[in-house]
């Protein structure tokens, strides 16, 4: 995975929606191999970004800090 993806889980400061969306976009770009999708793939690309952002926000809001794996 790309090392430049920022860790969004911090104890003191919650990640905002823009940070989560940016991380989701970066992830979809990485796994799809596209920096920007063609018109034919734009809808599915953007839907993937939205789904990943939603799942990421859900994860970040439900993690219990202090718990270790």
PDB file of N, CA and C in Angstrom:
ATOM      1  N   UNK A   1       0.850  -1.179   0.000  1.00  0.00           N
ATOM      2  CA  UNK A   1       0.000   0.000   0.000  1.00  0.00           C
ATOM      3  C   UNK A   1       0.884   1.227   0.000  1.00  0.00           C
ATOM      4  N   UNK A   2       0.370   2.266  -0.532  1.00  0.00           N
ATOM      5  CA  UNK A   2       1.090   3.533  -0.638  1.00  0.00           C
ATOM      6  C   UNK A   2       1.439   4.060   0.757  1.00  0.00           C
ATOM      7  N   UNK A   3       2.676   4.379   0.973  1.00  0.00           N
ATOM      8  CA  UNK A   3       3.113   4.850   2.281  1.00  0.00           C
ATOM      9  C   UNK A   3       2.673   6.271   2.583  1.00  0.00           C
ATOM     10  N   UNK A   4       2.212   7.002   1.573  1.00  0.00           N
ATOM     11  CA  UNK A   4       1.842   8.384   1.810  1.00  0.00           C
ATOM     12  C   UNK A   4       0.408   8.547   2.317  1.00  0.00           C
ATOM     13  N   UNK A   5      -0.329   7.456   2.461  1.00  0.00           N
ATOM     14  CA  UNK A   5      -1.675   7.563   3.015  1.00  0.00           C
ATOM     15  C   UNK A   5      -1.550   7.909   4.496  1.00  0.00           C
ATOM     16  N   UNK A   6      -2.215   8.975   4.884  1.00  0.00           N
ATOM     17  CA  UNK A   6      -2.149   9.504   6.244  1.00  0.00           C
ATOM     18  C   UNK A   6      -2.981   8.653   7.196  1.00  0.00           C
ATOM     19  N   UNK A   7      -2.456   8.413   8.395  1.00  0.00           N
ATOM     20  CA  UNK A   7      -3.214   7.737   9.443  1.00  0.00           C
ATOM     21  C   UNK A   7      -4.275   8.711   9.942  1.00  0.00           C
ATOM     22  N   UNK A   8      -5.527   8.299   9.919  1.00  0.00           N
ATOM     23  CA  UNK A   8      -6.616   9.184  10.325  1.00  0.00           C
ATOM     24  C   UNK A   8      -7.086   8.926  11.751  1.00  0.00           C
ATOM     25  N   UNK A   9      -6.622   7.852  12.361  1.00  0.00           N
ATOM     26  CA  UNK A   9      -7.054   7.521  13.714  1.00  0.00           C
ATOM     27  C   UNK A   9      -6.137   8.199  14.724  1.00  0.00           C
ATOM     28  N   UNK A  10      -6.660   9.220  15.347  1.00  0.00           N
ATOM     29  CA  UNK A  10      -5.933   9.938  16.396  1.00  0.00           C
ATOM     30  C   UNK A  10      -6.812   9.974  17.635  1.00  0.00           C
ATOM     31  N   UNK A  11      -6.225   9.926  18.789  1.00  0.00           N
ATOM     32  CA  UNK A  11      -7.005   9.936  20.028  1.00  0.00           C
ATOM     33  C   UNK A  11      -7.656  11.288  20.297  1.00  0.00           C
ATOM     34  N   UNK A  12      -6.974  12.356  20.029  1.00  0.00           N
ATOM     35  CA  UNK A  12      -7.437  13.674  20.428  1.00  0.00           C
ATOM     36  C   UNK A  12      -8.267  14.388  19.370  1.00  0.00           C
ATOM     37  N   UNK A  13      -8.019  14.105  18.109  1.00  0.00           N
ATOM     38  CA  UNK A  13      -8.670  14.850  17.031  1.00  0.00           C
ATOM     39  C   UNK A  13      -9.327  13.867  16.061  1.00  0.00           C
ATOM     40  N   UNK A  14     -10.619  14.033  15.867  1.00  0.00           N
ATOM     41  CA  UNK A  14     -11.328  13.170  14.915  1.00  0.00           C
ATOM     42  C   UNK A  14     -11.033  13.625  13.489  1.00  0.00           C
ATOM     43  N   UNK A  15     -10.899  12.673  12.604  1.00  0.00           N
ATOM     44  CA  UNK A  15     -10.701  12.998  11.187  1.00  0.00           C
ATOM     45  C   UNK A  15     -11.970  13.631  10.656  1.00  0.00           C
ATOM     46  N   UNK A  16     -11.818  14.676   9.853  1.00  0.00           N
ATOM     47  CA  UNK A  16     -13.013  15.301   9.293  1.00  0.00           C
ATOM     48  C   UNK A  16     -13.384  14.623   7.977  1.00  0.00           C
ATOM     49  N   UNK A  17     -14.565  14.955   7.471  1.00  0.00           N
ATOM     50  CA  UNK A  17     -15.068  14.307   6.262  1.00  0.00           C
ATOM     51  C   UNK A  17     -14.155  14.519   5.058  1.00  0.00           C
ATOM     52  N   UNK A  18     -13.527  15.686   4.971  1.00  0.00           N
ATOM     53  CA  UNK A  18     -12.616  15.957   3.849  1.00  0.00           C
ATOM     54  C   UNK A  18     -11.391  15.057   3.891  1.00  0.00           C
ATOM     55  N   UNK A  19     -10.844  14.841   5.078  1.00  0.00           N
ATOM     56  CA  UNK A  19      -9.682  13.954   5.221  1.00  0.00           C
ATOM     57  C   UNK A  19     -10.052  12.515   4.877  1.00  0.00           C
ATOM     58  N   UNK A  20     -11.216  12.090   5.325  1.00  0.00           N
ATOM     59  CA  UNK A  20     -11.672  10.731   5.033  1.00  0.00           C
ATOM     60  C   UNK A  20     -11.899  10.559   3.533  1.00  0.00           C
ATOM     61  N   UNK A  21     -12.533  11.539   2.892  1.00  0.00           N
ATOM     62  CA  UNK A  21     -12.779  11.471   1.446  1.00  0.00           C
ATOM     63  C   UNK A  21     -11.469  11.460   0.668  1.00  0.00           C
ATOM     64  N   UNK A  22     -10.498  12.256   1.095  1.00  0.00           N
ATOM     65  CA  UNK A  22      -9.196  12.295   0.416  1.00  0.00           C
ATOM     66  C   UNK A  22      -8.482  10.952   0.529  1.00  0.00           C
ATOM     67  N   UNK A  23      -8.555  10.320   1.694  1.00  0.00           N
ATOM     68  CA  UNK A  23      -7.929   9.009   1.875  1.00  0.00           C
ATOM     69  C   UNK A  23      -8.631   7.956   1.016  1.00  0.00           C
ATOM     70  N   UNK A  24      -9.966   8.033   0.940  1.00  0.00           N
ATOM     71  CA  UNK A  24     -10.722   7.084   0.116  1.00  0.00           C
ATOM     72  C   UNK A  24     -10.359   7.253  -1.358  1.00  0.00           C
ATOM     73  N   UNK A  25     -10.254   8.490  -1.808  1.00  0.00           N
ATOM     74  CA  UNK A  25      -9.864   8.756  -3.194  1.00  0.00           C
ATOM     75  C   UNK A  25      -8.475   8.206  -3.481  1.00  0.00           C
ATOM     76  N   UNK A  26      -7.545   8.436  -2.567  1.00  0.00           N
ATOM     77  CA  UNK A  26      -6.181   7.950  -2.746  1.00  0.00           C
ATOM     78  C   UNK A  26      -6.158   6.422  -2.825  1.00  0.00           C
ATOM     79  N   UNK A  27      -6.958   5.775  -1.997  1.00  0.00           N
ATOM     80  CA  UNK A  27      -7.036   4.313  -1.992  1.00  0.00           C
ATOM     81  C   UNK A  27      -7.588   3.796  -3.325  1.00  0.00           C
ATOM     82  N   UNK A  28      -8.688   4.389  -3.795  1.00  0.00           N
ATOM     83  CA  UNK A  28      -9.283   3.947  -5.059  1.00  0.00           C
ATOM     84  C   UNK A  28      -8.324   4.194  -6.226  1.00  0.00           C
ATOM     85  N   UNK A  29      -7.631   5.308  -6.203  1.00  0.00           N
ATOM     86  CA  UNK A  29      -6.624   5.567  -7.241  1.00  0.00           C
ATOM     87  C   UNK A  29      -5.554   4.487  -7.233  1.00  0.00           C
ATOM     88  N   UNK A  30      -5.114   4.122  -6.045  1.00  0.00           N
ATOM     89  CA  UNK A  30      -4.041   3.125  -5.922  1.00  0.00           C
ATOM     90  C   UNK A  30      -4.491   1.765  -6.443  1.00  0.00           C
ATOM     91  N   UNK A  31      -5.657   1.297  -6.007  1.00  0.00           N
ATOM     92  CA  UNK A  31      -6.049  -0.056  -6.391  1.00  0.00           C
ATOM     93  C   UNK A  31      -6.567  -0.135  -7.824  1.00  0.00           C
ATOM     94  N   UNK A  32      -7.114   0.983  -8.338  1.00  0.00           N
ATOM     95  CA  UNK A  32      -7.627   0.958  -9.712  1.00  0.00           C
ATOM     96  C   UNK A  32      -6.534   1.222 -10.740  1.00  0.00           C
ATOM     97  N   UNK A  33      -5.480   1.892 -10.312  1.00  0.00           N
ATOM     98  CA  UNK A  33      -4.420   2.247 -11.243  1.00  0.00           C
ATOM     99  C   UNK A  33      -4.711   3.503 -12.042  1.00  0.00           C
ATOM    100  N   UNK A  34      -5.802   4.191 -11.706  1.00  0.00           N
ATOM    101  CA  UNK A  34      -6.183   5.417 -12.402  1.00  0.00           C
ATOM    102  C   UNK A  34      -6.066   6.624 -11.475  1.00  0.00           C
ATOM    103  N   UNK A  35      -5.401   7.655 -11.958  1.00  0.00           N
ATOM    104  CA  UNK A  35      -5.400   8.918 -11.214  1.00  0.00           C
ATOM    105  C   UNK A  35      -6.738   9.598 -11.397  1.00  0.00           C
ATOM    106  N   UNK A  36      -7.242   9.554 -12.621  1.00  0.00           N
ATOM    107  CA  UNK A  36      -8.563  10.069 -12.960  1.00  0.00           C
ATOM    108  C   UNK A  36      -9.194   9.063 -13.922  1.00  0.00           C
ATOM    109  N   UNK A  37     -10.415   8.644 -13.664  1.00  0.00           N
ATOM    110  CA  UNK A  37     -11.040   7.645 -14.525  1.00  0.00           C
ATOM    111  C   UNK A  37     -11.516   8.252 -15.837  1.00  0.00           C
ATOM    112  N   UNK A  38     -11.698   7.407 -16.828  1.00  0.00           N
ATOM    113  CA  UNK A  38     -12.305   7.850 -18.086  1.00  0.00           C
ATOM    114  C   UNK A  38     -13.775   8.165 -17.817  1.00  0.00           C
ATOM    115  N   UNK A  39     -14.409   8.838 -18.750  1.00  0.00           N
ATOM    116  CA  UNK A  39     -15.847   9.136 -18.614  1.00  0.00           C
ATOM    117  C   UNK A  39     -16.647   7.846 -18.431  1.00  0.00           C
ATOM    118  N   UNK A  40     -16.236   6.785 -19.115  1.00  0.00           N
ATOM    119  CA  UNK A  40     -16.946   5.508 -19.025  1.00  0.00           C
ATOM    120  C   UNK A  40     -16.863   4.897 -17.629  1.00  0.00           C
ATOM    121  N   UNK A  41     -15.791   5.189 -16.897  1.00  0.00           N
ATOM    122  CA  UNK A  41     -15.586   4.608 -15.569  1.00  0.00           C
ATOM    123  C   UNK A  41     -15.801   5.598 -14.424  1.00  0.00           C
ATOM    124  N   UNK A  42     -16.133   6.823 -14.744  1.00  0.00           N
ATOM    125  CA  UNK A  42     -16.238   7.862 -13.721  1.00  0.00           C
ATOM    126  C   UNK A  42     -17.293   7.553 -12.653  1.00  0.00           C
ATOM    127  N   UNK A  43     -18.449   7.079 -13.057  1.00  0.00           N
ATOM    128  CA  UNK A  43     -19.523   6.809 -12.104  1.00  0.00           C
ATOM    129  C   UNK A  43     -19.143   5.709 -11.111  1.00  0.00           C
ATOM    130  N   UNK A  44     -18.607   4.608 -11.613  1.00  0.00           N
ATOM    131  CA  UNK A  44     -18.236   3.502 -10.735  1.00  0.00           C
ATOM    132  C   UNK A  44     -17.032   3.874  -9.858  1.00  0.00           C
ATOM    133  N   UNK A  45     -16.111   4.651 -10.396  1.00  0.00           N
ATOM    134  CA  UNK A  45     -14.949   5.132  -9.642  1.00  0.00           C
ATOM    135  C   UNK A  45     -15.420   5.989  -8.465  1.00  0.00           C
ATOM    136  N   UNK A  46     -16.295   6.955  -8.746  1.00  0.00           N
ATOM    137  CA  UNK A  46     -16.787   7.848  -7.701  1.00  0.00           C
ATOM    138  C   UNK A  46     -17.644   7.107  -6.679  1.00  0.00           C
ATOM    139  N   UNK A  47     -18.408   6.117  -7.130  1.00  0.00           N
ATOM    140  CA  UNK A  47     -19.206   5.310  -6.209  1.00  0.00           C
ATOM    141  C   UNK A  47     -18.301   4.534  -5.257  1.00  0.00           C
ATOM    142  N   UNK A  48     -17.191   4.021  -5.771  1.00  0.00           N
ATOM    143  CA  UNK A  48     -16.241   3.306  -4.925  1.00  0.00           C
ATOM    144  C   UNK A  48     -15.628   4.240  -3.882  1.00  0.00           C
ATOM    145  N   UNK A  49     -15.280   5.440  -4.288  1.00  0.00           N
ATOM    146  CA  UNK A  49     -14.740   6.426  -3.344  1.00  0.00           C
ATOM    147  C   UNK A  49     -15.759   6.701  -2.239  1.00  0.00           C
ATOM    148  N   UNK A  50     -17.011   6.906  -2.613  1.00  0.00           N
ATOM    149  CA  UNK A  50     -18.062   7.184  -1.625  1.00  0.00           C
ATOM    150  C   UNK A  50     -18.267   6.021  -0.662  1.00  0.00           C
ATOM    151  N   UNK A  51     -18.290   4.797  -1.191  1.00  0.00           N
ATOM    152  CA  UNK A  51     -18.474   3.611  -0.349  1.00  0.00           C
ATOM    153  C   UNK A  51     -17.316   3.441   0.633  1.00  0.00           C
ATOM    154  N   UNK A  52     -16.097   3.636   0.154  1.00  0.00           N
ATOM    155  CA  UNK A  52     -14.928   3.483   1.016  1.00  0.00           C
ATOM    156  C   UNK A  52     -14.885   4.585   2.068  1.00  0.00           C
ATOM    157  N   UNK A  53     -15.251   5.795   1.693  1.00  0.00           N
ATOM    158  CA  UNK A  53     -15.298   6.897   2.660  1.00  0.00           C
ATOM    159  C   UNK A  53     -16.323   6.605   3.751  1.00  0.00           C
ATOM    160  N   UNK A  54     -17.478   6.100   3.376  1.00  0.00           N
ATOM    161  CA  UNK A  54     -18.517   5.773   4.349  1.00  0.00           C
ATOM    162  C   UNK A  54     -18.056   4.665   5.297  1.00  0.00           C
ATOM    163  N   UNK A  55     -17.475   3.619   4.741  1.00  0.00           N
ATOM    164  CA  UNK A  55     -16.975   2.521   5.571  1.00  0.00           C
ATOM    165  C   UNK A  55     -15.851   3.004   6.493  1.00  0.00           C
ATOM    166  N   UNK A  56     -14.998   3.877   5.986  1.00  0.00           N
ATOM    167  CA  UNK A  56     -13.892   4.409   6.784  1.00  0.00           C
ATOM    168  C   UNK A  56     -14.411   5.267   7.934  1.00  0.00           C
ATOM    169  N   UNK A  57     -15.397   6.102   7.649  1.00  0.00           N
ATOM    170  CA  UNK A  57     -15.982   6.942   8.702  1.00  0.00           C
ATOM    171  C   UNK A  57     -16.628   6.067   9.770  1.00  0.00           C
ATOM    172  N   UNK A  58     -17.356   5.043   9.342  1.00  0.00           N
ATOM    173  CA  UNK A  58     -17.986   4.121  10.292  1.00  0.00           C
ATOM    174  C   UNK A  58     -16.925   3.445  11.168  1.00  0.00           C
ATOM    175  N   UNK A  59     -15.843   3.016  10.557  1.00  0.00           N
ATOM    176  CA  UNK A  59     -14.751   2.396  11.304  1.00  0.00           C
ATOM    177  C   UNK A  59     -14.164   3.370  12.324  1.00  0.00           C
ATOM    178  N   UNK A  60     -13.842   4.573  11.866  1.00  0.00           N
ATOM    179  CA  UNK A  60     -13.198   5.543  12.746  1.00  0.00           C
ATOM    180  C   UNK A  60     -14.092   5.992  13.896  1.00  0.00           C
ATOM    181  N   UNK A  61     -15.389   6.013  13.682  1.00  0.00           N
ATOM    182  CA  UNK A  61     -16.288   6.449  14.749  1.00  0.00           C
ATOM    183  C   UNK A  61     -16.638   5.337  15.724  1.00  0.00           C
ATOM    184  N   UNK A  62     -16.343   4.094  15.370  1.00  0.00           N
ATOM    185  CA  UNK A  62     -16.685   2.994  16.271  1.00  0.00           C
ATOM    186  C   UNK A  62     -15.485   2.300  16.902  1.00  0.00           C
ATOM    187  N   UNK A  63     -14.281   2.654  16.492  1.00  0.00           N
ATOM    188  CA  UNK A  63     -13.091   2.065  17.124  1.00  0.00           C
ATOM    189  C   UNK A  63     -13.035   2.450  18.590  1.00  0.00           C
ATOM    190  N   UNK A  64     -12.639   1.514  19.420  1.00  0.00           N
ATOM    191  CA  UNK A  64     -12.438   1.783  20.836  1.00  0.00           C
ATOM    192  C   UNK A  64     -10.963   2.031  21.055  1.00  0.00           C
ATOM    193  N   UNK A  65     -10.630   3.220  21.417  1.00  0.00           N
ATOM    194  CA  UNK A  65      -9.231   3.573  21.629  1.00  0.00           C
ATOM    195  C   UNK A  65      -8.730   2.928  22.903  1.00  0.00           C
ATOM    196  N   UNK A  66      -7.512   2.507  22.868  1.00  0.00           N
ATOM    197  CA  UNK A  66      -6.925   1.822  24.005  1.00  0.00           C
ATOM    198  C   UNK A  66      -6.960   0.315  23.831  1.00  0.00           C
ATOM    199  N   UNK A  67      -7.851  -0.192  22.978  1.00  0.00           N
ATOM    200  CA  UNK A  67      -7.920  -1.632  22.730  1.00  0.00           C
ATOM    201  C   UNK A  67      -6.785  -2.018  21.782  1.00  0.00           C
ATOM    202  N   UNK A  68      -6.133  -3.073  22.079  1.00  0.00           N
ATOM    203  CA  UNK A  68      -5.018  -3.573  21.245  1.00  0.00           C
ATOM    204  C   UNK A  68      -5.389  -4.915  20.662  1.00  0.00           C
ATOM    205  N   UNK A  69      -4.940  -5.123  19.435  1.00  0.00           N
ATOM    206  CA  UNK A  69      -5.201  -6.407  18.772  1.00  0.00           C
ATOM    207  C   UNK A  69      -4.251  -7.449  19.272  1.00  0.00           C
TER     208      UNK A  69
END
